[in-house]
């Protein structure tokens, strides 16, 4: 089965967002200001990269990881602006539509033998 283009685009978007955020936030480690928070952000960025990579391969847990990652961002957006909440909510809806509608679901339900 060929991977749906929407799954490919969204998975690569998560990989790109994770990588850009990782590079951006790693510079904050030098400042010494709240290193535990920075490490948490770096781990979250690595999870986006991991989720995008395994979603490209068709691993079902990858789409759930990315769904959780995006839902987490909606929740933490409530401590920021309303526009940020709205933007993350729109992205969460996009994740749900791409990964859980028919073409995306079919990609993630393939036989486990074909994923490797």
PDB file of N, CA and C in Angstrom:
ATOM      1  N   UNK A   1       0.832  -1.178   0.000  1.00  0.00           N
ATOM      2  CA  UNK A   1       0.000   0.000   0.000  1.00  0.00           C
ATOM      3  C   UNK A   1       0.881   1.247   0.000  1.00  0.00           C
ATOM      4  N   UNK A   2       0.501   2.218  -0.808  1.00  0.00           N
ATOM      5  CA  UNK A   2       1.247   3.463  -0.866  1.00  0.00           C
ATOM      6  C   UNK A   2       0.766   4.416   0.233  1.00  0.00           C
ATOM      7  N   UNK A   3       1.716   5.077   0.883  1.00  0.00           N
ATOM      8  CA  UNK A   3       1.395   6.013   1.958  1.00  0.00           C
ATOM      9  C   UNK A   3       0.626   7.200   1.382  1.00  0.00           C
ATOM     10  N   UNK A   4      -0.490   7.592   2.036  1.00  0.00           N
ATOM     11  CA  UNK A   4      -1.228   8.763   1.568  1.00  0.00           C
ATOM     12  C   UNK A   4      -0.363  10.023   1.647  1.00  0.00           C
ATOM     13  N   UNK A   5      -0.497  10.886   0.663  1.00  0.00           N
ATOM     14  CA  UNK A   5       0.287  12.119   0.623  1.00  0.00           C
ATOM     15  C   UNK A   5       0.049  12.970   1.870  1.00  0.00           C
ATOM     16  N   UNK A   6      -1.182  12.997   2.351  1.00  0.00           N
ATOM     17  CA  UNK A   6      -1.494  13.802   3.540  1.00  0.00           C
ATOM     18  C   UNK A   6      -0.740  13.297   4.768  1.00  0.00           C
ATOM     19  N   UNK A   7      -0.596  11.988   4.894  1.00  0.00           N
ATOM     20  CA  UNK A   7       0.166  11.415   6.011  1.00  0.00           C
ATOM     21  C   UNK A   7       1.641  11.780   5.861  1.00  0.00           C
ATOM     22  N   UNK A   8       2.144  11.713   4.649  1.00  0.00           N
ATOM     23  CA  UNK A   8       3.546  12.061   4.390  1.00  0.00           C
ATOM     24  C   UNK A   8       3.817  13.517   4.765  1.00  0.00           C
ATOM     25  N   UNK A   9       2.964  14.418   4.293  1.00  0.00           N
ATOM     26  CA  UNK A   9       3.160  15.846   4.555  1.00  0.00           C
ATOM     27  C   UNK A   9       3.085  16.143   6.052  1.00  0.00           C
ATOM     28  N   UNK A  10       2.070  15.613   6.710  1.00  0.00           N
ATOM     29  CA  UNK A  10       1.899  15.893   8.133  1.00  0.00           C
ATOM     30  C   UNK A  10       3.029  15.288   8.969  1.00  0.00           C
ATOM     31  N   UNK A  11       3.443  14.082   8.638  1.00  0.00           N
ATOM     32  CA  UNK A  11       4.544  13.446   9.372  1.00  0.00           C
ATOM     33  C   UNK A  11       5.833  14.242   9.210  1.00  0.00           C
ATOM     34  N   UNK A  12       6.130  14.680   7.997  1.00  0.00           N
ATOM     35  CA  UNK A  12       7.328  15.483   7.774  1.00  0.00           C
ATOM     36  C   UNK A  12       7.219  16.844   8.445  1.00  0.00           C
ATOM     37  N   UNK A  13       6.008  17.387   8.544  1.00  0.00           N
ATOM     38  CA  UNK A  13       5.815  18.659   9.250  1.00  0.00           C
ATOM     39  C   UNK A  13       6.175  18.508  10.732  1.00  0.00           C
ATOM     40  N   UNK A  14       5.784  17.371  11.333  1.00  0.00           N
ATOM     41  CA  UNK A  14       6.149  17.119  12.728  1.00  0.00           C
ATOM     42  C   UNK A  14       7.658  16.952  12.875  1.00  0.00           C
ATOM     43  N   UNK A  15       8.265  16.253  11.939  1.00  0.00           N
ATOM     44  CA  UNK A  15       9.722  16.080  11.988  1.00  0.00           C
ATOM     45  C   UNK A  15      10.408  17.434  11.873  1.00  0.00           C
ATOM     46  N   UNK A  16       9.956  18.262  10.952  1.00  0.00           N
ATOM     47  CA  UNK A  16      10.548  19.588  10.762  1.00  0.00           C
ATOM     48  C   UNK A  16      10.334  20.477  11.989  1.00  0.00           C
ATOM     49  N   UNK A  17       9.119  20.475  12.518  1.00  0.00           N
ATOM     50  CA  UNK A  17       8.832  21.296  13.701  1.00  0.00           C
ATOM     51  C   UNK A  17       9.681  20.836  14.887  1.00  0.00           C
ATOM     52  N   UNK A  18       9.818  19.539  15.034  1.00  0.00           N
ATOM     53  CA  UNK A  18      10.642  19.015  16.120  1.00  0.00           C
ATOM     54  C   UNK A  18      12.101  19.393  15.950  1.00  0.00           C
ATOM     55  N   UNK A  19      12.610  19.271  14.732  1.00  0.00           N
ATOM     56  CA  UNK A  19      14.021  19.568  14.479  1.00  0.00           C
ATOM     57  C   UNK A  19      14.317  21.056  14.650  1.00  0.00           C
ATOM     58  N   UNK A  20      13.467  21.906  14.097  1.00  0.00           N
ATOM     59  CA  UNK A  20      13.676  23.348  14.224  1.00  0.00           C
ATOM     60  C   UNK A  20      13.588  23.757  15.695  1.00  0.00           C
ATOM     61  N   UNK A  21      12.604  23.241  16.402  1.00  0.00           N
ATOM     62  CA  UNK A  21      12.467  23.551  17.821  1.00  0.00           C
ATOM     63  C   UNK A  21      13.630  23.039  18.640  1.00  0.00           C
ATOM     64  N   UNK A  22      14.134  21.876  18.271  1.00  0.00           N
ATOM     65  CA  UNK A  22      15.286  21.304  18.974  1.00  0.00           C
ATOM     66  C   UNK A  22      16.502  22.209  18.821  1.00  0.00           C
ATOM     67  N   UNK A  23      16.779  22.634  17.602  1.00  0.00           N
ATOM     68  CA  UNK A  23      17.916  23.520  17.355  1.00  0.00           C
ATOM     69  C   UNK A  23      17.727  24.852  18.082  1.00  0.00           C
ATOM     70  N   UNK A  24      16.520  25.385  18.023  1.00  0.00           N
ATOM     71  CA  UNK A  24      16.231  26.669  18.663  1.00  0.00           C
ATOM     72  C   UNK A  24      16.391  26.585  20.181  1.00  0.00           C
ATOM     73  N   UNK A  25      15.804  25.567  20.788  1.00  0.00           N
ATOM     74  CA  UNK A  25      15.788  25.488  22.246  1.00  0.00           C
ATOM     75  C   UNK A  25      17.091  24.975  22.850  1.00  0.00           C
ATOM     76  N   UNK A  26      17.895  24.264  22.098  1.00  0.00           N
ATOM     77  CA  UNK A  26      19.160  23.763  22.653  1.00  0.00           C
ATOM     78  C   UNK A  26      20.074  24.937  23.016  1.00  0.00           C
ATOM     79  N   UNK A  27      19.921  26.059  22.338  1.00  0.00           N
ATOM     80  CA  UNK A  27      20.727  27.236  22.663  1.00  0.00           C
ATOM     81  C   UNK A  27      20.361  27.794  24.036  1.00  0.00           C
ATOM     82  N   UNK A  28      19.160  27.512  24.516  1.00  0.00           N
ATOM     83  CA  UNK A  28      18.725  27.990  25.820  1.00  0.00           C
ATOM     84  C   UNK A  28      19.431  27.264  26.969  1.00  0.00           C
ATOM     85  N   UNK A  29      20.025  26.116  26.685  1.00  0.00           N
ATOM     86  CA  UNK A  29      20.749  25.388  27.732  1.00  0.00           C
ATOM     87  C   UNK A  29      21.940  26.194  28.237  1.00  0.00           C
ATOM     88  N   UNK A  30      22.535  26.986  27.353  1.00  0.00           N
ATOM     89  CA  UNK A  30      23.702  27.782  27.724  1.00  0.00           C
ATOM     90  C   UNK A  30      23.353  28.898  28.696  1.00  0.00           C
ATOM     91  N   UNK A  31      22.125  29.364  28.640  1.00  0.00           N
ATOM     92  CA  UNK A  31      21.747  30.494  29.484  1.00  0.00           C
ATOM     93  C   UNK A  31      21.700  30.107  30.961  1.00  0.00           C
ATOM     94  N   UNK A  32      21.482  28.818  31.234  1.00  0.00           N
ATOM     95  CA  UNK A  32      21.435  28.347  32.611  1.00  0.00           C
ATOM     96  C   UNK A  32      20.141  28.695  33.327  1.00  0.00           C
ATOM     97  N   UNK A  33      19.223  29.333  32.630  1.00  0.00           N
ATOM     98  CA  UNK A  33      17.949  29.724  33.229  1.00  0.00           C
ATOM     99  C   UNK A  33      16.952  28.587  33.109  1.00  0.00           C
ATOM    100  N   UNK A  34      16.595  27.969  34.218  1.00  0.00           N
ATOM    101  CA  UNK A  34      15.622  26.876  34.292  1.00  0.00           C
ATOM    102  C   UNK A  34      15.962  25.712  33.346  1.00  0.00           C
ATOM    103  N   UNK A  35      17.105  25.066  33.562  1.00  0.00           N
ATOM    104  CA  UNK A  35      17.534  23.984  32.664  1.00  0.00           C
ATOM    105  C   UNK A  35      16.561  22.802  32.630  1.00  0.00           C
ATOM    106  N   UNK A  36      15.849  22.526  33.723  1.00  0.00           N
ATOM    107  CA  UNK A  36      14.901  21.400  33.720  1.00  0.00           C
ATOM    108  C   UNK A  36      13.777  21.652  32.726  1.00  0.00           C
ATOM    109  N   UNK A  37      13.321  22.901  32.642  1.00  0.00           N
ATOM    110  CA  UNK A  37      12.271  23.244  31.679  1.00  0.00           C
ATOM    111  C   UNK A  37      12.773  23.077  30.250  1.00  0.00           C
ATOM    112  N   UNK A  38      14.007  23.492  30.014  1.00  0.00           N
ATOM    113  CA  UNK A  38      14.584  23.384  28.669  1.00  0.00           C
ATOM    114  C   UNK A  38      14.726  21.917  28.277  1.00  0.00           C
ATOM    115  N   UNK A  39      15.167  21.095  29.198  1.00  0.00           N
ATOM    116  CA  UNK A  39      15.316  19.665  28.910  1.00  0.00           C
ATOM    117  C   UNK A  39      13.955  19.054  28.582  1.00  0.00           C
ATOM    118  N   UNK A  40      12.913  19.431  29.303  1.00  0.00           N
ATOM    119  CA  UNK A  40      11.563  18.941  29.010  1.00  0.00           C
ATOM    120  C   UNK A  40      11.134  19.350  27.605  1.00  0.00           C
ATOM    121  N   UNK A  41      11.399  20.584  27.239  1.00  0.00           N
ATOM    122  CA  UNK A  41      11.050  21.060  25.891  1.00  0.00           C
ATOM    123  C   UNK A  41      11.827  20.273  24.845  1.00  0.00           C
ATOM    124  N   UNK A  42      13.097  20.010  25.098  1.00  0.00           N
ATOM    125  CA  UNK A  42      13.913  19.241  24.148  1.00  0.00           C
ATOM    126  C   UNK A  42      13.384  17.825  23.983  1.00  0.00           C
ATOM    127  N   UNK A  43      12.968  17.211  25.082  1.00  0.00           N
ATOM    128  CA  UNK A  43      12.390  15.858  25.013  1.00  0.00           C
ATOM    129  C   UNK A  43      11.104  15.890  24.196  1.00  0.00           C
ATOM    130  N   UNK A  44      10.277  16.896  24.411  1.00  0.00           N
ATOM    131  CA  UNK A  44       9.030  17.017  23.647  1.00  0.00           C
ATOM    132  C   UNK A  44       9.323  17.183  22.159  1.00  0.00           C
ATOM    133  N   UNK A  45      10.345  17.961  21.821  1.00  0.00           N
ATOM    134  CA  UNK A  45      10.716  18.140  20.413  1.00  0.00           C
ATOM    135  C   UNK A  45      11.217  16.822  19.815  1.00  0.00           C
ATOM    136  N   UNK A  46      11.967  16.061  20.596  1.00  0.00           N
ATOM    137  CA  UNK A  46      12.439  14.760  20.103  1.00  0.00           C
ATOM    138  C   UNK A  46      11.273  13.795  19.886  1.00  0.00           C
ATOM    139  N   UNK A  47      10.248  13.906  20.730  1.00  0.00           N
ATOM    140  CA  UNK A  47       9.062  13.067  20.548  1.00  0.00           C
ATOM    141  C   UNK A  47       8.343  13.394  19.244  1.00  0.00           C
ATOM    142  N   UNK A  48       8.325  14.667  18.860  1.00  0.00           N
ATOM    143  CA  UNK A  48       7.720  15.049  17.586  1.00  0.00           C
ATOM    144  C   UNK A  48       8.486  14.419  16.423  1.00  0.00           C
ATOM    145  N   UNK A  49       9.812  14.439  16.510  1.00  0.00           N
ATOM    146  CA  UNK A  49      10.645  13.830  15.465  1.00  0.00           C
ATOM    147  C   UNK A  49      10.411  12.329  15.415  1.00  0.00           C
ATOM    148  N   UNK A  50      10.418  11.693  16.574  1.00  0.00           N
ATOM    149  CA  UNK A  50      10.182  10.246  16.650  1.00  0.00           C
ATOM    150  C   UNK A  50       8.801   9.891  16.105  1.00  0.00           C
ATOM    151  N   UNK A  51       7.778  10.605  16.551  1.00  0.00           N
ATOM    152  CA  UNK A  51       6.420  10.327  16.093  1.00  0.00           C
ATOM    153  C   UNK A  51       6.276  10.484  14.594  1.00  0.00           C
ATOM    154  N   UNK A  52       6.858  11.536  14.048  1.00  0.00           N
ATOM    155  CA  UNK A  52       6.793  11.738  12.599  1.00  0.00           C
ATOM    156  C   UNK A  52       7.491  10.626  11.844  1.00  0.00           C
ATOM    157  N   UNK A  53       8.640  10.198  12.354  1.00  0.00           N
ATOM    158  CA  UNK A  53       9.385   9.122  11.691  1.00  0.00           C
ATOM    159  C   UNK A  53       8.647   7.796  11.692  1.00  0.00           C
ATOM    160  N   UNK A  54       8.088   7.442  12.821  1.00  0.00           N
ATOM    161  CA  UNK A  54       7.395   6.148  12.869  1.00  0.00           C
ATOM    162  C   UNK A  54       6.039   6.217  12.170  1.00  0.00           C
ATOM    163  N   UNK A  55       5.425   7.399  12.122  1.00  0.00           N
ATOM    164  CA  UNK A  55       4.173   7.549  11.362  1.00  0.00           C
ATOM    165  C   UNK A  55       4.443   7.355   9.875  1.00  0.00           C
ATOM    166  N   UNK A  56       5.588   7.833   9.405  1.00  0.00           N
ATOM    167  CA  UNK A  56       5.952   7.603   7.999  1.00  0.00           C
ATOM    168  C   UNK A  56       6.072   6.118   7.693  1.00  0.00           C
ATOM    169  N   UNK A  57       6.503   5.350   8.676  1.00  0.00           N
ATOM    170  CA  UNK A  57       6.648   3.907   8.479  1.00  0.00           C
ATOM    171  C   UNK A  57       5.347   3.146   8.670  1.00  0.00           C
ATOM    172  N   UNK A  58       4.317   3.824   9.182  1.00  0.00           N
ATOM    173  CA  UNK A  58       3.014   3.187   9.337  1.00  0.00           C
ATOM    174  C   UNK A  58       2.759   2.594  10.702  1.00  0.00           C
ATOM    175  N   UNK A  59       3.593   2.911  11.682  1.00  0.00           N
ATOM    176  CA  UNK A  59       3.394   2.384  13.028  1.00  0.00           C
ATOM    177  C   UNK A  59       2.211   3.094  13.686  1.00  0.00           C
ATOM    178  N   UNK A  60       1.235   2.321  14.120  1.00  0.00           N
ATOM    179  CA  UNK A  60       0.019   2.872  14.708  1.00  0.00           C
ATOM    180  C   UNK A  60       0.305   3.742  15.922  1.00  0.00           C
ATOM    181  N   UNK A  61       1.279   3.348  16.741  1.00  0.00           N
ATOM    182  CA  UNK A  61       1.576   4.137  17.933  1.00  0.00           C
ATOM    183  C   UNK A  61       2.142   5.500  17.568  1.00  0.00           C
ATOM    184  N   UNK A  62       2.682   5.656  16.367  1.00  0.00           N
ATOM    185  CA  UNK A  62       3.206   6.945  15.926  1.00  0.00           C
ATOM    186  C   UNK A  62       2.112   7.983  15.773  1.00  0.00           C
ATOM    187  N   UNK A  63       0.976   7.571  15.207  1.00  0.00           N
ATOM    188  CA  UNK A  63      -0.110   8.541  15.056  1.00  0.00           C
ATOM    189  C   UNK A  63      -0.701   8.913  16.409  1.00  0.00           C
ATOM    190  N   UNK A  64      -0.739   7.945  17.338  1.00  0.00           N
ATOM    191  CA  UNK A  64      -1.243   8.244  18.678  1.00  0.00           C
ATOM    192  C   UNK A  64      -0.275   9.153  19.436  1.00  0.00           C
ATOM    193  N   UNK A  65       1.012   8.953  19.249  1.00  0.00           N
ATOM    194  CA  UNK A  65       2.004   9.822  19.865  1.00  0.00           C
ATOM    195  C   UNK A  65       1.832  11.261  19.357  1.00  0.00           C
ATOM    196  N   UNK A  66       1.664  11.413  18.053  1.00  0.00           N
ATOM    197  CA  UNK A  66       1.510  12.752  17.490  1.00  0.00           C
ATOM    198  C   UNK A  66       0.184  13.391  17.889  1.00  0.00           C
ATOM    199  N   UNK A  67      -0.848  12.585  17.996  1.00  0.00           N
ATOM    200  CA  UNK A  67      -2.133  13.106  18.475  1.00  0.00           C
ATOM    201  C   UNK A  67      -1.983  13.619  19.910  1.00  0.00           C
ATOM    202  N   UNK A  68      -1.342  12.844  20.751  1.00  0.00           N
ATOM    203  CA  UNK A  68      -1.112  13.256  22.133  1.00  0.00           C
ATOM    204  C   UNK A  68      -0.216  14.478  22.219  1.00  0.00           C
ATOM    205  N   UNK A  69       0.805  14.532  21.373  1.00  0.00           N
ATOM    206  CA  UNK A  69       1.724  15.662  21.341  1.00  0.00           C
ATOM    207  C   UNK A  69       0.963  16.943  21.009  1.00  0.00           C
ATOM    208  N   UNK A  70       0.099  16.855  20.006  1.00  0.00           N
ATOM    209  CA  UNK A  70      -0.651  18.041  19.591  1.00  0.00           C
ATOM    210  C   UNK A  70      -1.698  18.414  20.638  1.00  0.00           C
ATOM    211  N   UNK A  71      -2.364  17.435  21.225  1.00  0.00           N
ATOM    212  CA  UNK A  71      -3.357  17.706  22.275  1.00  0.00           C
ATOM    213  C   UNK A  71      -2.686  18.378  23.477  1.00  0.00           C
ATOM    214  N   UNK A  72      -1.490  17.930  23.819  1.00  0.00           N
ATOM    215  CA  UNK A  72      -0.733  18.544  24.904  1.00  0.00           C
ATOM    216  C   UNK A  72      -0.469  20.016  24.603  1.00  0.00           C
ATOM    217  N   UNK A  73      -0.137  20.314  23.344  1.00  0.00           N
ATOM    218  CA  UNK A  73       0.114  21.699  22.968  1.00  0.00           C
ATOM    219  C   UNK A  73      -1.147  22.559  23.036  1.00  0.00           C
ATOM    220  N   UNK A  74      -2.289  21.970  22.743  1.00  0.00           N
ATOM    221  CA  UNK A  74      -3.545  22.718  22.892  1.00  0.00           C
ATOM    222  C   UNK A  74      -3.722  23.087  24.365  1.00  0.00           C
ATOM    223  N   UNK A  75      -3.498  22.131  25.241  1.00  0.00           N
ATOM    224  CA  UNK A  75      -3.684  22.373  26.676  1.00  0.00           C
ATOM    225  C   UNK A  75      -2.717  23.443  27.189  1.00  0.00           C
ATOM    226  N   UNK A  76      -1.437  23.331  26.861  1.00  0.00           N
ATOM    227  CA  UNK A  76      -0.488  24.327  27.383  1.00  0.00           C
ATOM    228  C   UNK A  76      -0.690  25.695  26.733  1.00  0.00           C
ATOM    229  N   UNK A  77      -1.362  25.739  25.599  1.00  0.00           N
ATOM    230  CA  UNK A  77      -1.660  27.022  24.960  1.00  0.00           C
ATOM    231  C   UNK A  77      -2.619  27.867  25.780  1.00  0.00           C
ATOM    232  N   UNK A  78      -3.379  27.234  26.655  1.00  0.00           N
ATOM    233  CA  UNK A  78      -4.315  27.984  27.482  1.00  0.00           C
ATOM    234  C   UNK A  78      -3.597  28.964  28.410  1.00  0.00           C
ATOM    235  N   UNK A  79      -2.307  28.773  28.640  1.00  0.00           N
ATOM    236  CA  UNK A  79      -1.533  29.700  29.455  1.00  0.00           C
ATOM    237  C   UNK A  79      -0.929  30.819  28.599  1.00  0.00           C
ATOM    238  N   UNK A  80      -1.250  30.800  27.315  1.00  0.00           N
ATOM    239  CA  UNK A  80      -0.743  31.817  26.401  1.00  0.00           C
ATOM    240  C   UNK A  80      -1.926  32.586  25.821  1.00  0.00           C
ATOM    241  N   UNK A  81      -1.871  32.931  24.572  1.00  0.00           N
ATOM    242  CA  UNK A  81      -2.929  33.745  23.958  1.00  0.00           C
ATOM    243  C   UNK A  81      -4.043  32.875  23.371  1.00  0.00           C
ATOM    244  N   UNK A  82      -5.187  33.514  23.169  1.00  0.00           N
ATOM    245  CA  UNK A  82      -6.326  32.827  22.553  1.00  0.00           C
ATOM    246  C   UNK A  82      -6.000  32.421  21.115  1.00  0.00           C
ATOM    247  N   UNK A  83      -5.218  33.227  20.432  1.00  0.00           N
ATOM    248  CA  UNK A  83      -4.852  32.885  19.052  1.00  0.00           C
ATOM    249  C   UNK A  83      -3.969  31.640  19.011  1.00  0.00           C
ATOM    250  N   UNK A  84      -3.145  31.466  20.031  1.00  0.00           N
ATOM    251  CA  UNK A  84      -2.305  30.264  20.085  1.00  0.00           C
ATOM    252  C   UNK A  84      -3.151  29.023  20.356  1.00  0.00           C
ATOM    253  N   UNK A  85      -4.138  29.147  21.219  1.00  0.00           N
ATOM    254  CA  UNK A  85      -5.061  28.039  21.464  1.00  0.00           C
ATOM    255  C   UNK A  85      -5.777  27.676  20.167  1.00  0.00           C
ATOM    256  N   UNK A  86      -6.256  28.681  19.460  1.00  0.00           N
ATOM    257  CA  UNK A  86      -6.974  28.440  18.209  1.00  0.00           C
ATOM    258  C   UNK A  86      -6.076  27.774  17.175  1.00  0.00           C
ATOM    259  N   UNK A  87      -4.856  28.260  17.044  1.00  0.00           N
ATOM    260  CA  UNK A  87      -3.931  27.684  16.061  1.00  0.00           C
ATOM    261  C   UNK A  87      -3.624  26.223  16.380  1.00  0.00           C
ATOM    262  N   UNK A  88      -3.354  25.924  17.650  1.00  0.00           N
ATOM    263  CA  UNK A  88      -3.068  24.542  18.027  1.00  0.00           C
ATOM    264  C   UNK A  88      -4.305  23.658  17.884  1.00  0.00           C
ATOM    265  N   UNK A  89      -5.484  24.208  18.157  1.00  0.00           N
ATOM    266  CA  UNK A  89      -6.718  23.431  17.994  1.00  0.00           C
ATOM    267  C   UNK A  89      -6.944  23.082  16.525  1.00  0.00           C
ATOM    268  N   UNK A  90      -6.667  24.021  15.638  1.00  0.00           N
ATOM    269  CA  UNK A  90      -6.799  23.753  14.202  1.00  0.00           C
ATOM    270  C   UNK A  90      -5.823  22.657  13.786  1.00  0.00           C
ATOM    271  N   UNK A  91      -4.600  22.733  14.279  1.00  0.00           N
ATOM    272  CA  UNK A  91      -3.614  21.695  13.966  1.00  0.00           C
ATOM    273  C   UNK A  91      -4.030  20.339  14.532  1.00  0.00           C
ATOM    274  N   UNK A  92      -4.626  20.334  15.710  1.00  0.00           N
ATOM    275  CA  UNK A  92      -5.114  19.082  16.297  1.00  0.00           C
ATOM    276  C   UNK A  92      -6.214  18.478  15.418  1.00  0.00           C
ATOM    277  N   UNK A  93      -7.100  19.306  14.934  1.00  0.00           N
ATOM    278  CA  UNK A  93      -8.166  18.828  14.040  1.00  0.00           C
ATOM    279  C   UNK A  93      -7.552  18.256  12.760  1.00  0.00           C
ATOM    280  N   UNK A  94      -6.523  18.913  12.238  1.00  0.00           N
ATOM    281  CA  UNK A  94      -5.843  18.410  11.041  1.00  0.00           C
ATOM    282  C   UNK A  94      -5.229  17.034  11.302  1.00  0.00           C
ATOM    283  N   UNK A  95      -4.612  16.862  12.469  1.00  0.00           N
ATOM    284  CA  UNK A  95      -4.023  15.562  12.828  1.00  0.00           C
ATOM    285  C   UNK A  95      -5.110  14.489  12.860  1.00  0.00           C
ATOM    286  N   UNK A  96      -6.217  14.812  13.481  1.00  0.00           N
ATOM    287  CA  UNK A  96      -7.321  13.846  13.575  1.00  0.00           C
ATOM    288  C   UNK A  96      -7.836  13.491  12.185  1.00  0.00           C
ATOM    289  N   UNK A  97      -8.052  14.495  11.349  1.00  0.00           N
ATOM    290  CA  UNK A  97      -8.587  14.240  10.013  1.00  0.00           C
ATOM    291  C   UNK A  97      -7.624  13.434   9.153  1.00  0.00           C
ATOM    292  N   UNK A  98      -6.364  13.783   9.188  1.00  0.00           N
ATOM    293  CA  UNK A  98      -5.384  13.096   8.331  1.00  0.00           C
ATOM    294  C   UNK A  98      -5.097  11.681   8.820  1.00  0.00           C
ATOM    295  N   UNK A  99      -4.897  11.517  10.106  1.00  0.00           N
ATOM    296  CA  UNK A  99      -4.472  10.214  10.622  1.00  0.00           C
ATOM    297  C   UNK A  99      -5.616   9.249  10.920  1.00  0.00           C
ATOM    298  N   UNK A 100      -6.829   9.750  11.106  1.00  0.00           N
ATOM    299  CA  UNK A 100      -7.901   8.862  11.558  1.00  0.00           C
ATOM    300  C   UNK A 100      -9.054   8.709  10.562  1.00  0.00           C
ATOM    301  N   UNK A 101      -9.033   9.410   9.451  1.00  0.00           N
ATOM    302  CA  UNK A 101     -10.035   9.176   8.415  1.00  0.00           C
ATOM    303  C   UNK A 101      -9.570   8.015   7.547  1.00  0.00           C
ATOM    304  N   UNK A 102     -10.375   7.595   6.614  1.00  0.00           N
ATOM    305  CA  UNK A 102     -10.157   6.352   5.866  1.00  0.00           C
ATOM    306  C   UNK A 102      -8.752   6.159   5.295  1.00  0.00           C
ATOM    307  N   UNK A 103      -8.210   7.065   4.475  1.00  0.00           N
ATOM    308  CA  UNK A 103      -6.880   6.770   3.903  1.00  0.00           C
ATOM    309  C   UNK A 103      -5.789   6.654   4.956  1.00  0.00           C
ATOM    310  N   UNK A 104      -5.795   7.558   5.919  1.00  0.00           N
ATOM    311  CA  UNK A 104      -4.787   7.509   6.978  1.00  0.00           C
ATOM    312  C   UNK A 104      -4.939   6.280   7.844  1.00  0.00           C
ATOM    313  N   UNK A 105      -6.172   5.977   8.220  1.00  0.00           N
ATOM    314  CA  UNK A 105      -6.421   4.786   9.045  1.00  0.00           C
ATOM    315  C   UNK A 105      -5.966   3.514   8.348  1.00  0.00           C
ATOM    316  N   UNK A 106      -6.212   3.441   7.057  1.00  0.00           N
ATOM    317  CA  UNK A 106      -5.789   2.258   6.301  1.00  0.00           C
ATOM    318  C   UNK A 106      -4.267   2.127   6.339  1.00  0.00           C
ATOM    319  N   UNK A 107      -3.560   3.246   6.246  1.00  0.00           N
ATOM    320  CA  UNK A 107      -2.098   3.231   6.292  1.00  0.00           C
ATOM    321  C   UNK A 107      -1.598   2.689   7.628  1.00  0.00           C
ATOM    322  N   UNK A 108      -2.253   3.063   8.705  1.00  0.00           N
ATOM    323  CA  UNK A 108      -1.800   2.647  10.024  1.00  0.00           C
ATOM    324  C   UNK A 108      -2.331   1.274  10.436  1.00  0.00           C
ATOM    325  N   UNK A 109      -3.274   0.713   9.687  1.00  0.00           N
ATOM    326  CA  UNK A 109      -3.805  -0.606  10.018  1.00  0.00           C
ATOM    327  C   UNK A 109      -3.182  -1.727   9.219  1.00  0.00           C
ATOM    328  N   UNK A 110      -2.208  -1.413   8.428  1.00  0.00           N
ATOM    329  CA  UNK A 110      -1.582  -2.461   7.612  1.00  0.00           C
ATOM    330  C   UNK A 110      -1.067  -3.583   8.483  1.00  0.00           C
ATOM    331  N   UNK A 111      -0.861  -4.706   7.881  1.00  0.00           N
ATOM    332  CA  UNK A 111      -0.313  -5.861   8.595  1.00  0.00           C
ATOM    333  C   UNK A 111       1.039  -5.490   9.188  1.00  0.00           C
ATOM    334  N   UNK A 112       1.286  -5.845  10.418  1.00  0.00           N
ATOM    335  CA  UNK A 112       2.527  -5.483  11.130  1.00  0.00           C
ATOM    336  C   UNK A 112       3.759  -5.998  10.396  1.00  0.00           C
ATOM    337  N   UNK A 113       3.629  -7.063   9.617  1.00  0.00           N
ATOM    338  CA  UNK A 113       4.767  -7.616   8.884  1.00  0.00           C
ATOM    339  C   UNK A 113       5.242  -6.630   7.828  1.00  0.00           C
ATOM    340  N   UNK A 114       4.317  -5.883   7.207  1.00  0.00           N
ATOM    341  CA  UNK A 114       4.706  -4.968   6.141  1.00  0.00           C
ATOM    342  C   UNK A 114       5.310  -3.678   6.659  1.00  0.00           C
ATOM    343  N   UNK A 115       5.167  -3.384   7.954  1.00  0.00           N
ATOM    344  CA  UNK A 115       5.700  -2.155   8.522  1.00  0.00           C
ATOM    345  C   UNK A 115       7.223  -2.213   8.609  1.00  0.00           C
ATOM    346  N   UNK A 116       7.766  -3.360   8.908  1.00  0.00           N
ATOM    347  CA  UNK A 116       9.224  -3.488   9.074  1.00  0.00           C
ATOM    348  C   UNK A 116       9.910  -3.409   7.782  1.00  0.00           C
TER     349      UNK A 116
END
